[in-house]
N, C-alpha and C. Protein backbone atom coordinates (compact mmCIF):
# COMPACT_ATOMS: atom_id res chain seq x y z
N UNK A 1 -37.70 30.41 51.74
CA UNK A 1 -37.77 30.74 50.32
C UNK A 1 -36.69 31.76 50.01
N UNK A 2 -35.93 31.49 49.01
CA UNK A 2 -34.87 32.43 48.63
C UNK A 2 -35.41 33.50 47.69
N UNK A 3 -34.62 34.52 47.49
CA UNK A 3 -35.06 35.62 46.63
C UNK A 3 -35.19 35.21 45.17
N UNK A 4 -34.57 34.07 44.78
CA UNK A 4 -34.67 33.63 43.39
C UNK A 4 -35.94 32.82 43.12
N UNK A 5 -36.66 32.42 44.19
CA UNK A 5 -37.91 31.68 44.02
C UNK A 5 -39.00 32.64 43.55
N UNK A 6 -39.75 32.21 42.58
CA UNK A 6 -40.86 33.04 42.12
C UNK A 6 -42.14 32.22 42.15
N UNK A 7 -43.21 32.87 42.45
CA UNK A 7 -44.51 32.23 42.46
C UNK A 7 -45.21 32.55 41.15
N UNK A 8 -45.94 31.58 40.60
CA UNK A 8 -46.68 31.88 39.37
C UNK A 8 -47.80 32.88 39.66
N UNK A 9 -48.10 33.70 38.68
CA UNK A 9 -49.22 34.62 38.83
C UNK A 9 -50.50 33.81 38.92
N UNK A 10 -51.42 34.27 39.74
CA UNK A 10 -52.70 33.57 39.86
C UNK A 10 -53.82 34.60 39.90
N UNK A 11 -55.01 34.14 39.56
CA UNK A 11 -56.18 35.01 39.54
C UNK A 11 -57.41 34.23 39.96
N UNK A 12 -58.38 34.93 40.48
CA UNK A 12 -59.66 34.35 40.86
C UNK A 12 -60.72 34.93 39.95
N UNK A 13 -61.52 34.07 39.37
CA UNK A 13 -62.62 34.54 38.54
C UNK A 13 -63.93 34.02 39.11
N UNK A 14 -64.95 34.85 39.06
CA UNK A 14 -66.28 34.46 39.52
C UNK A 14 -67.17 34.49 38.29
N UNK A 15 -67.62 33.31 37.86
CA UNK A 15 -68.37 33.23 36.61
C UNK A 15 -69.30 32.03 36.62
N UNK A 16 -70.19 32.02 35.68
CA UNK A 16 -71.07 30.87 35.47
C UNK A 16 -70.43 29.92 34.49
N UNK A 17 -71.19 28.91 34.12
CA UNK A 17 -70.68 27.90 33.19
C UNK A 17 -71.46 27.97 31.88
N UNK A 18 -70.74 27.77 30.78
CA UNK A 18 -71.35 27.72 29.46
C UNK A 18 -70.91 26.43 28.80
N UNK A 19 -71.83 25.55 28.50
CA UNK A 19 -71.47 24.23 27.95
C UNK A 19 -70.76 24.33 26.61
N UNK A 20 -70.94 25.42 25.89
CA UNK A 20 -70.27 25.60 24.61
C UNK A 20 -68.82 26.04 24.75
N UNK A 21 -68.43 26.50 25.92
CA UNK A 21 -67.05 26.94 26.15
C UNK A 21 -66.74 28.32 25.61
N UNK A 22 -67.73 29.02 25.08
CA UNK A 22 -67.48 30.34 24.50
C UNK A 22 -67.64 31.48 25.49
N UNK A 23 -68.13 31.17 26.68
CA UNK A 23 -68.34 32.20 27.69
C UNK A 23 -68.22 31.55 29.06
N UNK A 24 -68.30 32.36 30.08
CA UNK A 24 -68.26 31.82 31.43
C UNK A 24 -66.87 31.41 31.87
N UNK A 25 -66.83 30.51 32.85
CA UNK A 25 -65.57 30.11 33.46
C UNK A 25 -64.61 29.49 32.46
N UNK A 26 -65.11 28.74 31.50
CA UNK A 26 -64.23 28.11 30.51
C UNK A 26 -63.47 29.16 29.71
N UNK A 27 -64.16 30.19 29.28
CA UNK A 27 -63.51 31.27 28.52
C UNK A 27 -62.54 32.05 29.40
N UNK A 28 -62.92 32.27 30.65
CA UNK A 28 -62.02 32.97 31.58
C UNK A 28 -60.72 32.19 31.75
N UNK A 29 -60.81 30.88 31.94
CA UNK A 29 -59.61 30.06 32.14
C UNK A 29 -58.74 30.03 30.89
N UNK A 30 -59.36 30.00 29.72
CA UNK A 30 -58.59 30.05 28.47
C UNK A 30 -57.83 31.37 28.35
N UNK A 31 -58.48 32.46 28.71
CA UNK A 31 -57.86 33.78 28.65
C UNK A 31 -56.71 33.89 29.65
N UNK A 32 -56.94 33.42 30.87
CA UNK A 32 -55.88 33.45 31.87
C UNK A 32 -54.67 32.63 31.42
N UNK A 33 -54.92 31.44 30.89
CA UNK A 33 -53.83 30.57 30.42
C UNK A 33 -53.05 31.23 29.28
N UNK A 34 -53.75 31.94 28.40
CA UNK A 34 -53.09 32.61 27.28
C UNK A 34 -52.13 33.70 27.77
N UNK A 35 -52.38 34.22 28.96
CA UNK A 35 -51.54 35.27 29.53
C UNK A 35 -50.58 34.73 30.58
N UNK A 36 -50.50 33.40 30.69
CA UNK A 36 -49.56 32.79 31.63
C UNK A 36 -49.96 32.89 33.09
N UNK A 37 -51.25 33.03 33.33
CA UNK A 37 -51.76 33.17 34.69
C UNK A 37 -52.52 31.90 35.07
N UNK A 38 -52.28 31.42 36.29
CA UNK A 38 -52.97 30.24 36.80
C UNK A 38 -54.29 30.68 37.40
N UNK A 39 -55.38 30.03 36.98
CA UNK A 39 -56.71 30.40 37.49
C UNK A 39 -57.39 29.28 38.19
């Protein structure tokens, strides 16, 4: 790997699921994506 190679930022979230998408893992992934982070 050369010095010009960059890895995308990543994060781990521990959450439950909410079928409405307003909370839990779905909301966490939306927030991470909005900040350019792979979750």
